[in-house]
Amino acid sequence: MDVRRAALVLAVASAVAGRAAGAPPVDLGVFESIPVLEGGRPMPLSAYARVAMLQMSGRATWQGGPASHWLARALFEPDATTNDAIFLISHPDTFDALGLATDKPRRRASYAELEPVLPRLRDLSSRAAGVKAADRTPADRDLLQLVSAISLFAAFSRGDHPAIVPRNGGHDPWLALSEAAQPADADAAMIATAWSGLRKAWLARDTTAFTDAARTARAAALHGLDDPRAGLRLRGEETMNRLRPFALSLQGYLVAAVLGFWVALDPRRRKTALAAVILVGLALLVHSAGLLLRAFIMGRPPVTNLYSTFVFVAWCCAAIGLGVERARRDGLGLLAGGTTAVVLLAVAGRYELDGDTMQRVVAVLDSNFWLTVHVLTIMVGYAGCLMAGAAAHVQLVKHGLQGAASAAPVARAVRGLLGLGLVFTFLGTMLGGVWADQSWGRFWGWDPKENGALLIVLWTAVVLHARGPRLIGDVGMAVGAVLGIVVVAVAWQGVNLLGVGLHSYGFTSGAAFWLTLIAAVEVIFCAATAGWIRSEEARSEKREVCDGSAFEPCREHDAEAGAAEF
């Protein structure tokens, strides 16, 4: 027993020691709240550290801890970071081109490893930079990204990053620590002195002195800003980064979707349905809080770039799903709304890895009231079309398994959701014309984004009008709704791949592959389910004819045909 107890104590002590070894030597709480300038906007240093770590390492954390810990080491004792494997090398050819050892599979290298091959890296990156962006290979892009990361690393050691001293109330470019050696005003002098104190306290491992210096630096930087709400915005961003409301919402929607699937199998499971509804409601509250907090931080409506469109449309899908569930009480709204919200938030999470998601709004979006109304309205239209497509998946599978009668109620929901998508997409497109007329002097210009919105309107209108006079049946409408997901994806993201037009903005890396994959999967799904349904209906009709026939040879013929197949 004593041996076991000693082993347990030793294991616990080792775990604690391991955690302590990677823990910051001082409390970083106040340090992380110091405002810095990045991407044209003030942000807390914790957010900046995360963006910098993503740029260099492709990760948001360092050794399972905050990125601000590594940034403090890079700023205050840069020699201690030269052996940190933080430089992401995505392409295996890069290792070979630089002559780096690859005894075992890896994706990151340290500055100490890269320093001897820097001349070779500069030569290769210069060649890659001379190639047109559209013609660059993945290895070329990897080399350029690596050079950018090394430049940022070197800037930390020189004190050239981050920008910490506001100028002209924060309206002019801020100064880095290396540029503030001769401060022009009292606030700048106080900031420079405070950062010098931060370095001394870090090296001395003096938490009290470090915290006091961080408070001074933070207060002086905020005093140098004209925005009276800057402190609240910074606290809001810290809170958002710490709580991560959209990640919490994704988890809630995922569980709710699983419960919704269970309810859809048997709508009599009311307790499960109630639990799922409550879960979606709570996830929506957290999601809403995140959207409102993000809007307050940016001082803009919640939709300003492609990342935020995914987050907002996910909210719309969850809310629509909750409404559908309240009307139907059969699990469809929970399943479709939860699944769609999960997928959209997962896509948003992928874009979050590209860096700052609250960067300054591009000029084309820095406009008036009509832009806000137009964007939010058309996003609701996107949500309606996506929800129709999600529900149509359920309809087609249910039709194949249980027949047309069982799938008919779901078909009615698909029809209603298509109508919702059509109305809001049409209104959003028209409101976009009003905004364009005020901003650019023309209502319509056949811009790719405008054409994409028109394509959604035409597609949903054709599907609904073909269903009205029964030019197509419920299965045809469902197929049209599923393919409508592809149409929305092309209009939403595909137009950015063209790189032309006044609406060409946002993230595009890897989008072509995913758009192609989505289109292929949905086309295969529609073809497979439609063929399956047709086959099942043909068998059902044949059985009905045989069962109602007065001639016994019909059954004998079926038996002979079945035996011949085997």
Protein backbone atom coordinates (compact mmCIF):
# COMPACT_ATOMS: atom_id res chain seq x y z
CA MET A 1 0.00 0.00 0.00
CA ASP A 2 2.84 2.41 0.89
CA VAL A 3 4.51 1.68 -2.44
CA ARG A 4 1.30 2.45 -4.33
CA ARG A 5 0.79 5.65 -2.36
CA ALA A 6 4.36 6.77 -3.02
CA ALA A 7 3.97 6.03 -6.74
CA LEU A 8 0.75 8.06 -6.85
CA VAL A 9 2.35 11.01 -5.07
CA LEU A 10 5.33 10.84 -7.44
CA ALA A 11 3.04 10.78 -10.51
CA VAL A 12 1.03 13.77 -9.28
CA ALA A 13 4.20 15.68 -8.43
CA SER A 14 5.62 14.96 -11.88
CA ALA A 15 2.44 16.15 -13.58
CA VAL A 16 2.39 19.35 -11.54
CA ALA A 17 6.06 19.95 -12.24
CA GLY A 18 5.48 19.39 -15.94
CA ARG A 19 2.69 21.92 -15.99
CA ALA A 20 4.70 24.37 -13.96
CA ALA A 21 7.63 24.07 -16.38
CA GLY A 22 5.48 25.35 -19.23
CA ALA A 23 3.66 27.95 -17.17
CA PRO A 24 4.54 31.68 -17.39
CA PRO A 25 7.00 32.80 -14.70
CA VAL A 26 4.77 35.79 -13.89
CA ASP A 27 1.05 36.55 -14.00
CA LEU A 28 0.16 37.67 -17.55
CA GLY A 29 -3.39 38.84 -16.78
CA VAL A 30 -2.87 42.61 -17.03
CA PHE A 31 -0.11 42.26 -19.63
CA GLU A 32 -2.56 40.54 -21.99
CA SER A 33 -4.92 43.53 -21.78
CA ILE A 34 -2.39 46.13 -23.01
CA PRO A 35 -3.68 47.66 -26.26
CA VAL A 36 -1.58 47.29 -29.42
CA LEU A 37 -2.29 48.18 -33.03
CA GLU A 38 -2.63 45.44 -35.63
CA GLY A 39 -4.52 45.38 -38.90
CA GLY A 40 -5.51 49.00 -38.49
CA ARG A 41 -7.34 48.53 -35.19
CA PRO A 42 -6.47 48.46 -31.48
CA MET A 43 -6.68 45.02 -29.91
CA PRO A 44 -5.62 43.49 -26.59
CA LEU A 45 -2.15 42.01 -26.61
CA SER A 46 -3.63 38.54 -25.98
CA ALA A 47 -5.48 38.75 -29.31
CA TYR A 48 -2.37 40.06 -31.07
CA ALA A 49 -0.28 37.21 -29.67
CA ARG A 50 -2.84 34.71 -30.92
CA VAL A 51 -2.82 36.23 -34.43
CA ALA A 52 0.99 36.28 -34.52
CA MET A 53 1.18 32.66 -33.34
CA LEU A 54 -1.29 31.62 -36.04
CA GLN A 55 0.76 33.40 -38.66
CA MET A 56 4.00 31.73 -37.60
CA SER A 57 2.92 28.35 -36.28
CA GLY A 58 -0.60 27.73 -37.55
CA ARG A 59 -1.68 27.27 -33.93
CA ALA A 60 -3.48 29.61 -31.56
CA THR A 61 -1.60 28.41 -28.47
CA TRP A 62 1.94 27.55 -27.45
CA GLN A 63 2.65 24.29 -25.61
CA GLY A 64 -0.99 24.14 -24.56
CA GLY A 65 -0.79 27.59 -22.93
CA PRO A 66 -1.57 31.13 -24.06
CA ALA A 67 0.27 32.55 -27.06
CA SER A 68 0.99 35.65 -24.96
CA HIS A 69 3.45 33.57 -22.91
CA TRP A 70 5.56 32.87 -25.96
CA LEU A 71 5.25 36.50 -27.14
CA ALA A 72 6.52 37.76 -23.77
CA ARG A 73 9.55 35.46 -24.10
CA ALA A 74 10.17 36.69 -27.67
CA LEU A 75 9.97 40.33 -26.57
CA PHE A 76 11.89 40.19 -23.30
CA GLU A 77 14.34 37.30 -23.76
CA PRO A 78 14.46 36.52 -27.50
CA ASP A 79 17.52 34.25 -27.20
CA ALA A 80 15.40 31.79 -25.22
CA THR A 81 13.02 31.31 -28.19
CA THR A 82 15.51 30.39 -30.90
CA ASN A 83 15.06 26.67 -30.27
CA ASP A 84 11.25 26.81 -30.17
CA ALA A 85 9.79 24.86 -33.09
CA ILE A 86 7.19 27.45 -34.05
CA PHE A 87 7.71 27.98 -37.79
CA LEU A 88 5.08 26.07 -39.73
CA ILE A 89 6.30 24.33 -42.89
CA SER A 90 3.21 23.00 -44.64
CA HIS A 91 4.78 21.47 -47.73
CA PRO A 92 7.22 18.53 -47.46
CA ASP A 93 9.20 19.81 -50.46
CA THR A 94 10.20 22.86 -48.43
CA PHE A 95 12.22 20.71 -46.03
CA ASP A 96 14.01 19.10 -48.97
CA ALA A 97 14.61 22.40 -50.76
CA LEU A 98 16.19 23.91 -47.65
CA GLY A 99 18.19 20.77 -46.84
CA LEU A 100 16.63 20.35 -43.40
CA ALA A 101 16.84 17.00 -41.62
CA THR A 102 13.61 15.03 -41.73
CA ASP A 103 14.34 11.91 -39.71
CA LYS A 104 10.71 11.80 -38.61
CA PRO A 105 7.54 13.41 -39.97
CA ARG A 106 7.14 16.96 -38.71
CA ARG A 107 5.64 20.28 -39.73
CA ARG A 108 7.55 22.87 -37.70
CA ALA A 109 11.13 24.07 -37.35
CA SER A 110 12.98 26.41 -34.98
CA TYR A 111 14.92 29.55 -35.83
CA ALA A 112 18.14 27.80 -34.79
CA GLU A 113 17.49 25.20 -37.51
CA LEU A 114 16.54 27.77 -40.14
CA GLU A 115 19.30 30.30 -39.47
CA PRO A 116 22.04 28.37 -41.37
CA VAL A 117 19.81 28.06 -44.46
CA LEU A 118 18.50 31.64 -44.51
CA PRO A 119 20.50 32.59 -47.65
CA ARG A 120 19.03 29.60 -49.48
CA LEU A 121 15.56 30.49 -48.18
CA ARG A 122 15.88 34.10 -49.37
CA ASP A 123 16.92 32.94 -52.82
CA LEU A 124 14.03 30.49 -53.14
CA SER A 125 11.49 32.97 -51.79
CA SER A 126 12.69 35.65 -54.23
CA ARG A 127 12.04 33.27 -57.10
CA ALA A 128 8.61 32.43 -55.68
CA ALA A 129 7.79 36.12 -55.30
CA GLY A 130 8.58 36.64 -58.99
CA VAL A 131 5.85 34.20 -59.99
CA LYS A 132 2.32 35.51 -60.49
CA ALA A 133 0.12 34.81 -57.48
CA ALA A 134 -2.27 32.69 -59.56
CA ASP A 135 0.60 30.55 -60.88
CA ARG A 136 2.37 29.88 -57.57
CA THR A 137 2.61 26.30 -56.39
CA PRO A 138 1.78 25.26 -52.82
CA ALA A 139 5.54 25.03 -52.18
CA ASP A 140 5.99 28.62 -53.41
CA ARG A 141 3.28 29.89 -51.08
CA ASP A 142 4.81 27.91 -48.23
CA LEU A 143 8.21 29.54 -48.79
CA LEU A 144 6.74 33.04 -48.85
CA GLN A 145 4.75 32.36 -45.70
CA LEU A 146 7.87 31.04 -43.95
CA VAL A 147 9.86 34.16 -44.86
CA SER A 148 7.06 36.36 -43.53
CA ALA A 149 6.99 34.42 -40.26
CA ILE A 150 10.77 34.70 -39.82
CA SER A 151 10.60 38.44 -40.50
CA LEU A 152 7.99 38.81 -37.78
CA PHE A 153 10.12 36.77 -35.39
CA ALA A 154 13.11 39.04 -36.08
CA ALA A 155 10.93 42.12 -35.57
CA PHE A 156 10.04 40.90 -32.08
CA SER A 157 13.69 40.60 -31.10
CA ARG A 158 14.46 44.11 -32.45
CA GLY A 159 11.45 45.70 -30.76
CA ASP A 160 9.86 46.62 -34.10
CA HIS A 161 6.63 44.80 -33.23
CA PRO A 162 4.04 45.19 -31.87
CA ALA A 163 2.96 48.83 -32.27
CA ILE A 164 2.34 50.02 -28.70
CA VAL A 165 2.43 53.86 -28.67
CA PRO A 166 -0.69 55.64 -30.03
CA ARG A 167 -0.22 58.85 -31.97
CA ASN A 168 -2.70 61.64 -32.64
CA GLY A 169 -5.40 60.02 -30.54
CA GLY A 170 -4.86 56.69 -32.25
CA HIS A 171 -5.66 58.01 -35.76
CA ASP A 172 -2.06 57.88 -37.03
CA PRO A 173 0.11 54.75 -37.20
CA TRP A 174 1.32 53.72 -33.75
CA LEU A 175 4.97 53.49 -32.79
CA ALA A 176 6.79 50.30 -31.88
CA LEU A 177 9.03 50.16 -28.83
CA SER A 178 12.18 50.65 -30.92
CA GLU A 179 10.67 53.83 -32.43
CA ALA A 180 9.70 55.30 -29.06
CA ALA A 181 13.26 55.79 -27.81
CA GLN A 182 12.70 59.56 -27.94
CA PRO A 183 9.01 59.91 -27.03
CA ALA A 184 7.22 63.03 -28.19
CA ASP A 185 4.71 63.36 -25.33
CA ALA A 186 4.13 62.31 -21.74
CA ASP A 187 1.95 59.30 -22.62
CA ALA A 188 4.57 57.94 -25.02
CA ALA A 189 7.29 58.44 -22.41
CA MET A 190 5.22 56.64 -19.81
CA ILE A 191 4.59 53.73 -22.19
CA ALA A 192 8.29 53.44 -23.08
CA THR A 193 9.25 53.48 -19.40
CA ALA A 194 6.57 50.94 -18.53
CA TRP A 195 7.73 48.52 -21.23
CA SER A 196 11.27 48.84 -19.99
CA GLY A 197 9.96 47.95 -16.54
CA LEU A 198 8.10 44.98 -17.99
CA ARG A 199 11.32 43.59 -19.39
CA LYS A 200 13.21 44.01 -16.13
CA ALA A 201 10.38 42.45 -14.09
CA TRP A 202 10.11 39.52 -16.53
CA LEU A 203 13.81 38.75 -16.32
CA ALA A 204 13.66 39.07 -12.50
CA ARG A 205 10.51 36.91 -12.38
CA ASP A 206 8.88 39.64 -10.26
CA THR A 207 5.11 39.26 -10.67
CA THR A 208 4.22 42.35 -8.65
CA ALA A 209 6.53 44.67 -10.58
CA PHE A 210 5.43 43.08 -13.88
CA THR A 211 1.75 43.63 -13.11
CA ASP A 212 2.35 47.24 -12.01
CA ALA A 213 4.29 48.03 -15.18
CA ALA A 214 1.57 46.40 -17.32
CA ARG A 215 -1.09 48.54 -15.62
CA THR A 216 0.93 51.67 -16.32
CA ALA A 217 1.45 50.74 -19.97
CA ARG A 218 -2.23 49.95 -20.41
CA ALA A 219 -3.45 53.16 -18.75
CA ALA A 220 -1.06 55.35 -20.76
CA ALA A 221 -2.04 53.70 -24.06
CA LEU A 222 -5.75 54.10 -23.36
CA HIS A 223 -5.19 57.73 -22.36
CA GLY A 224 -3.62 58.33 -25.74
CA LEU A 225 -6.75 57.19 -27.59
CA ASP A 226 -9.65 59.47 -28.49
CA ASP A 227 -12.19 56.66 -28.30
CA PRO A 228 -13.77 56.82 -24.81
CA ARG A 229 -15.03 53.24 -25.24
CA ALA A 230 -11.65 51.79 -26.19
CA GLY A 231 -11.18 50.21 -22.76
CA LEU A 232 -14.61 48.56 -22.89
CA ARG A 233 -13.99 47.28 -26.41
CA LEU A 234 -10.67 45.79 -25.37
CA ARG A 235 -12.24 44.10 -22.35
CA GLY A 236 -14.99 42.80 -24.58
CA GLU A 237 -12.49 41.25 -26.97
CA GLU A 238 -10.58 39.68 -24.09
CA THR A 239 -13.83 38.20 -22.80
CA MET A 240 -14.73 36.91 -26.24
CA ASN A 241 -11.34 35.29 -26.75
CA ARG A 242 -11.49 33.70 -23.32
CA LEU A 243 -15.07 32.37 -23.44
CA ARG A 244 -15.22 31.63 -27.21
CA PRO A 245 -19.03 31.81 -27.45
CA PHE A 246 -19.24 30.49 -31.00
CA ALA A 247 -17.30 27.34 -30.09
CA LEU A 248 -19.64 26.81 -27.13
CA SER A 249 -22.65 27.30 -29.40
CA LEU A 250 -21.28 24.78 -31.89
CA GLN A 251 -21.08 22.15 -29.16
CA GLY A 252 -24.65 22.88 -28.08
CA TYR A 253 -25.97 22.67 -31.64
CA LEU A 254 -24.12 19.41 -32.22
CA VAL A 255 -25.71 17.72 -29.21
CA ALA A 256 -29.11 19.15 -30.16
CA ALA A 257 -28.77 17.80 -33.71
CA VAL A 258 -28.02 14.32 -32.38
CA LEU A 259 -31.04 14.53 -30.08
CA GLY A 260 -33.10 15.84 -33.00
CA PHE A 261 -32.14 12.81 -35.06
CA TRP A 262 -33.29 10.58 -32.19
CA VAL A 263 -36.60 12.44 -32.02
CA ALA A 264 -37.04 12.28 -35.80
CA LEU A 265 -36.90 8.49 -35.58
CA ASP A 266 -39.80 8.57 -33.12
CA PRO A 267 -41.59 11.93 -32.59
CA ARG A 268 -43.22 10.55 -29.42
CA ARG A 269 -39.95 11.08 -27.53
CA ARG A 270 -41.15 14.40 -26.14
CA LYS A 271 -38.78 14.60 -23.20
CA THR A 272 -35.81 14.22 -25.53
CA ALA A 273 -37.31 16.85 -27.82
CA LEU A 274 -37.81 19.25 -24.91
CA ALA A 275 -34.21 18.78 -23.79
CA ALA A 276 -32.99 19.46 -27.33
CA VAL A 277 -35.15 22.59 -27.64
CA ILE A 278 -33.79 23.94 -24.35
CA LEU A 279 -30.25 23.19 -25.50
CA VAL A 280 -30.75 25.00 -28.80
CA GLY A 281 -32.27 27.93 -26.93
CA LEU A 282 -29.27 28.18 -24.61
CA ALA A 283 -26.85 27.84 -27.53
CA LEU A 284 -28.74 30.60 -29.35
CA LEU A 285 -28.44 32.88 -26.32
CA VAL A 286 -24.68 32.33 -26.18
CA HIS A 287 -24.46 32.75 -29.96
CA SER A 288 -26.48 35.99 -29.78
CA ALA A 289 -24.25 37.33 -27.00
CA GLY A 290 -21.19 36.62 -29.15
CA LEU A 291 -22.71 38.45 -32.14
CA LEU A 292 -23.67 41.48 -30.03
CA LEU A 293 -20.27 41.59 -28.35
CA ARG A 294 -18.53 41.36 -31.71
CA ALA A 295 -20.68 44.19 -33.09
CA PHE A 296 -19.82 46.35 -30.05
CA ILE A 297 -16.09 45.65 -30.37
CA MET A 298 -16.04 46.60 -34.04
CA GLY A 299 -18.61 49.38 -33.80
CA ARG A 300 -20.29 47.83 -36.82
CA PRO A 301 -23.18 45.47 -37.58
CA PRO A 302 -22.38 41.78 -37.02
CA VAL A 303 -21.71 40.99 -40.71
CA THR A 304 -18.56 42.63 -42.15
CA ASN A 305 -16.56 39.83 -43.83
CA LEU A 306 -16.95 36.25 -44.97
CA TYR A 307 -16.10 34.86 -41.54
CA SER A 308 -18.88 36.85 -39.92
CA THR A 309 -21.38 35.82 -42.61
CA PHE A 310 -20.91 32.17 -41.67
CA VAL A 311 -21.40 32.99 -37.99
CA PHE A 312 -24.54 35.04 -38.65
CA VAL A 313 -26.13 32.58 -41.09
CA ALA A 314 -25.48 29.80 -38.56
CA TRP A 315 -27.44 31.85 -36.00
CA CYS A 316 -30.27 32.32 -38.52
CA CYS A 317 -30.38 28.58 -39.30
CA ALA A 318 -30.56 27.66 -35.61
CA ALA A 319 -33.33 30.21 -35.02
CA ILE A 320 -35.30 29.01 -38.07
CA GLY A 321 -34.82 25.42 -36.95
CA LEU A 322 -36.23 26.28 -33.53
CA GLY A 323 -39.27 27.84 -35.22
CA VAL A 324 -39.76 24.78 -37.43
CA GLU A 325 -39.55 22.50 -34.41
CA ARG A 326 -42.13 24.53 -32.52
CA ALA A 327 -44.51 24.27 -35.48
CA ARG A 328 -43.94 20.59 -36.29
CA ARG A 329 -42.70 18.90 -33.09
CA ASP A 330 -41.13 15.99 -34.96
CA GLY A 331 -37.39 16.65 -34.65
CA LEU A 332 -36.95 18.01 -38.20
CA GLY A 333 -36.18 21.57 -37.07
CA LEU A 334 -33.71 20.36 -34.46
CA LEU A 335 -31.95 18.04 -36.88
CA ALA A 336 -31.80 20.42 -39.86
CA GLY A 337 -31.14 23.58 -37.87
CA GLY A 338 -28.57 22.02 -35.56
CA THR A 339 -26.69 20.27 -38.35
CA THR A 340 -26.59 23.35 -40.59
CA ALA A 341 -25.44 25.58 -37.73
CA VAL A 342 -22.70 23.10 -36.80
CA VAL A 343 -21.37 22.95 -40.37
CA LEU A 344 -21.39 26.74 -40.78
CA LEU A 345 -19.69 27.40 -37.45
CA ALA A 346 -17.10 24.74 -38.29
CA VAL A 347 -16.38 26.55 -41.56
CA ALA A 348 -16.14 29.84 -39.65
CA GLY A 349 -13.66 28.18 -37.29
CA ARG A 350 -11.53 27.23 -40.27
CA TYR A 351 -11.42 30.85 -41.43
CA GLU A 352 -10.62 31.95 -37.88
CA LEU A 353 -7.28 30.15 -38.24
CA ASP A 354 -6.29 32.62 -40.97
CA GLY A 355 -5.82 35.36 -38.37
CA ASP A 356 -7.76 38.37 -37.17
CA THR A 357 -11.47 38.08 -37.94
CA MET A 358 -12.28 41.63 -36.82
CA GLN A 359 -9.96 43.50 -39.13
CA ARG A 360 -10.98 46.90 -40.42
CA VAL A 361 -13.88 46.87 -42.83
CA VAL A 362 -12.90 47.14 -46.49
CA ALA A 363 -13.95 50.36 -48.20
CA VAL A 364 -16.72 48.73 -50.21
CA LEU A 365 -18.45 47.72 -46.95
CA ASP A 366 -17.81 50.91 -44.98
CA SER A 367 -21.10 52.42 -46.01
CA ASN A 368 -24.56 53.36 -44.79
CA PHE A 369 -27.80 52.03 -43.34
CA TRP A 370 -28.93 50.37 -46.57
CA LEU A 371 -25.82 48.18 -46.65
CA THR A 372 -26.63 46.81 -43.21
CA VAL A 373 -30.24 46.07 -44.12
CA HIS A 374 -29.24 44.56 -47.47
CA VAL A 375 -26.59 42.23 -46.04
CA LEU A 376 -28.63 41.03 -43.06
CA THR A 377 -31.70 40.43 -45.23
CA ILE A 378 -29.89 38.44 -47.87
CA MET A 379 -28.14 36.41 -45.16
CA VAL A 380 -31.57 35.38 -43.85
CA GLY A 381 -32.37 34.34 -47.41
CA TYR A 382 -29.23 32.21 -47.54
CA ALA A 383 -30.28 30.60 -44.26
CA GLY A 384 -33.74 29.79 -45.62
CA CYS A 385 -32.30 28.12 -48.72
CA LEU A 386 -29.75 26.15 -46.70
CA MET A 387 -32.41 24.99 -44.26
CA ALA A 388 -34.59 23.92 -47.19
CA GLY A 389 -31.67 21.91 -48.57
CA ALA A 390 -30.99 20.31 -45.19
CA ALA A 391 -34.65 19.37 -44.73
CA ALA A 392 -34.72 18.04 -48.31
CA HIS A 393 -31.96 15.58 -47.40
CA VAL A 394 -34.22 14.25 -44.66
CA GLN A 395 -37.18 14.13 -47.04
CA LEU A 396 -35.36 12.10 -49.69
CA VAL A 397 -34.00 9.58 -47.21
CA LYS A 398 -37.38 9.26 -45.51
CA HIS A 399 -39.11 8.81 -48.87
CA GLY A 400 -36.73 6.01 -49.78
CA LEU A 401 -37.13 4.25 -46.43
CA GLN A 402 -40.80 4.79 -45.60
CA GLY A 403 -42.51 5.92 -48.78
CA ALA A 404 -44.13 9.09 -50.13
CA ALA A 405 -46.83 9.32 -47.48
CA SER A 406 -44.29 9.46 -44.65
CA ALA A 407 -42.16 12.06 -46.46
CA ALA A 408 -45.09 14.32 -47.44
CA PRO A 409 -45.07 16.40 -44.19
CA VAL A 410 -41.33 17.01 -44.61
CA ALA A 411 -41.94 18.06 -48.23
CA ARG A 412 -44.37 20.73 -47.00
CA ALA A 413 -41.67 22.07 -44.66
CA VAL A 414 -39.16 22.11 -47.54
CA ARG A 415 -41.62 24.08 -49.63
CA GLY A 416 -42.14 26.64 -46.87
CA LEU A 417 -38.41 27.04 -46.27
CA LEU A 418 -37.79 27.54 -49.99
CA GLY A 419 -40.42 30.27 -49.93
CA LEU A 420 -38.67 31.90 -46.98
CA GLY A 421 -35.35 31.79 -48.79
CA LEU A 422 -36.85 33.20 -51.99
CA VAL A 423 -38.60 36.13 -50.26
CA PHE A 424 -35.60 37.26 -48.24
CA THR A 425 -33.07 36.71 -51.04
CA PHE A 426 -35.24 38.74 -53.40
CA LEU A 427 -35.69 41.54 -50.85
CA GLY A 428 -31.99 41.52 -50.03
CA THR A 429 -31.07 41.76 -53.70
CA MET A 430 -33.40 44.71 -54.22
CA LEU A 431 -32.09 46.46 -51.10
CA GLY A 432 -28.59 45.85 -52.41
CA GLY A 433 -29.57 47.74 -55.53
CA VAL A 434 -30.71 50.68 -53.40
CA TRP A 435 -27.37 50.68 -51.58
CA ALA A 436 -25.45 50.36 -54.86
CA ASP A 437 -27.36 53.28 -56.32
CA GLN A 438 -26.41 55.48 -53.36
CA SER A 439 -22.81 54.26 -53.12
CA TRP A 440 -21.83 53.70 -56.75
CA GLY A 441 -24.45 55.60 -58.70
CA ARG A 442 -26.10 52.60 -60.36
CA PHE A 443 -28.79 50.15 -59.23
CA TRP A 444 -27.44 47.12 -61.12
CA GLY A 445 -24.13 46.48 -62.84
CA TRP A 446 -24.06 42.72 -63.54
CA ASP A 447 -21.31 42.33 -60.98
CA PRO A 448 -20.54 38.65 -60.20
CA LYS A 449 -21.95 38.98 -56.67
CA GLU A 450 -25.13 40.55 -58.03
CA ASN A 451 -25.40 37.78 -60.59
CA GLY A 452 -24.96 35.21 -57.81
CA ALA A 453 -27.80 36.69 -55.78
CA LEU A 454 -29.99 36.75 -58.89
CA LEU A 455 -29.10 33.10 -59.55
CA ILE A 456 -30.41 32.11 -56.10
CA VAL A 457 -33.65 34.02 -56.71
CA LEU A 458 -34.16 32.42 -60.12
CA TRP A 459 -33.29 28.92 -58.91
CA THR A 460 -35.67 28.93 -55.95
CA ALA A 461 -38.38 30.60 -58.01
CA VAL A 462 -38.11 27.96 -60.75
CA VAL A 463 -38.24 25.10 -58.23
CA LEU A 464 -41.28 26.52 -56.42
CA HIS A 465 -43.16 27.44 -59.59
CA ALA A 466 -42.48 24.04 -61.14
CA ARG A 467 -43.86 22.39 -57.99
CA GLY A 468 -47.04 24.51 -58.00
CA PRO A 469 -48.62 23.14 -61.20
CA ARG A 470 -46.98 19.75 -60.51
CA LEU A 471 -44.45 19.99 -63.31
CA ILE A 472 -42.27 18.27 -60.71
CA GLY A 473 -43.29 16.26 -57.67
CA ASP A 474 -42.08 16.32 -54.10
CA VAL A 475 -38.94 14.39 -55.04
CA GLY A 476 -38.07 16.84 -57.81
CA MET A 477 -38.60 19.76 -55.44
CA ALA A 478 -36.37 18.11 -52.85
CA VAL A 479 -33.64 17.54 -55.44
CA GLY A 480 -33.92 21.20 -56.43
CA ALA A 481 -33.63 22.26 -52.77
CA VAL A 482 -30.55 20.11 -52.24
CA LEU A 483 -28.88 21.50 -55.35
CA GLY A 484 -29.88 24.93 -54.07
CA ILE A 485 -27.16 24.49 -51.44
CA VAL A 486 -24.62 24.39 -54.28
CA VAL A 487 -26.15 27.50 -55.83
CA VAL A 488 -25.95 29.36 -52.52
CA ALA A 489 -22.33 28.24 -52.00
CA VAL A 490 -21.34 29.53 -55.45
CA ALA A 491 -23.13 32.85 -54.95
CA TRP A 492 -21.83 33.21 -51.40
CA GLN A 493 -18.18 32.23 -51.79
CA GLY A 494 -17.52 31.25 -55.39
CA VAL A 495 -17.66 34.77 -56.81
CA ASN A 496 -14.65 35.75 -54.69
CA LEU A 497 -12.57 33.24 -56.64
CA LEU A 498 -13.05 35.31 -59.78
CA GLY A 499 -11.10 38.20 -58.23
CA VAL A 500 -13.16 40.73 -60.20
CA GLY A 501 -16.03 43.02 -59.43
CA LEU A 502 -16.74 45.50 -56.66
CA HIS A 503 -17.83 42.67 -54.34
CA SER A 504 -14.60 40.68 -54.57
CA TYR A 505 -13.36 40.56 -51.00
CA GLY A 506 -12.72 38.05 -48.23
CA PHE A 507 -10.94 34.74 -47.76
CA THR A 508 -10.52 32.49 -50.82
CA SER A 509 -7.74 30.07 -49.89
CA GLY A 510 -8.81 26.50 -50.68
CA ALA A 511 -12.35 27.58 -51.54
CA ALA A 512 -12.33 26.13 -55.07
CA PHE A 513 -11.60 22.63 -53.78
CA TRP A 514 -14.36 22.73 -51.18
CA LEU A 515 -16.91 24.20 -53.59
CA THR A 516 -16.13 21.45 -56.07
CA LEU A 517 -16.38 18.81 -53.34
CA ILE A 518 -19.73 20.16 -52.11
CA ALA A 519 -21.15 20.18 -55.63
CA ALA A 520 -19.93 16.65 -56.33
CA VAL A 521 -21.28 15.24 -53.05
CA GLU A 522 -24.69 16.85 -53.47
CA VAL A 523 -25.05 15.76 -57.10
CA ILE A 524 -24.11 12.19 -56.18
CA PHE A 525 -26.53 12.26 -53.24
CA CYS A 526 -29.40 13.50 -55.42
CA ALA A 527 -28.71 10.97 -58.17
CA ALA A 528 -28.40 8.10 -55.69
CA THR A 529 -31.52 8.92 -53.65
CA ALA A 530 -33.65 9.76 -56.70
CA GLY A 531 -32.65 6.46 -58.31
CA TRP A 532 -33.32 4.62 -55.05
CA ILE A 533 -36.76 6.18 -54.68
CA ARG A 534 -37.65 5.43 -58.28
CA SER A 535 -36.57 1.82 -57.85
CA GLU A 536 -38.59 1.44 -54.62
CA GLU A 537 -41.68 2.98 -56.22
CA ALA A 538 -41.37 0.69 -59.25
CA ARG A 539 -41.19 -2.34 -56.97
CA SER A 540 -44.15 -1.11 -54.95
CA GLU A 541 -46.26 -0.58 -58.08
CA LYS A 542 -45.35 -4.01 -59.37
CA ARG A 543 -46.33 -5.63 -56.07
CA GLU A 544 -49.65 -3.75 -56.09
CA VAL A 545 -50.40 -4.87 -59.64
CA CYS A 546 -49.56 -8.47 -58.83
CA ASP A 547 -51.47 -8.45 -55.54
CA GLY A 548 -54.57 -7.12 -57.27
CA SER A 549 -54.33 -9.39 -60.29
CA ALA A 550 -56.86 -12.17 -60.86
CA PHE A 551 -54.23 -14.25 -62.55
CA GLU A 552 -51.96 -16.44 -60.48
CA PRO A 553 -49.18 -16.61 -63.12
CA CYS A 554 -48.14 -13.05 -62.16
CA ARG A 555 -46.76 -14.23 -58.82
CA GLU A 556 -45.17 -17.27 -60.45
CA HIS A 557 -43.50 -14.98 -63.00
CA ASP A 558 -42.11 -12.81 -60.20
CA ALA A 559 -40.73 -15.86 -58.42
CA GLU A 560 -39.10 -17.10 -61.62
CA ALA A 561 -37.66 -13.61 -62.32
CA GLY A 562 -36.27 -13.38 -58.80
CA ALA A 563 -34.70 -16.81 -59.08
CA ALA A 564 -33.16 -15.87 -62.42
CA GLU A 565 -31.54 -12.73 -60.83
CA PHE A 566 -29.74 -14.90 -58.31
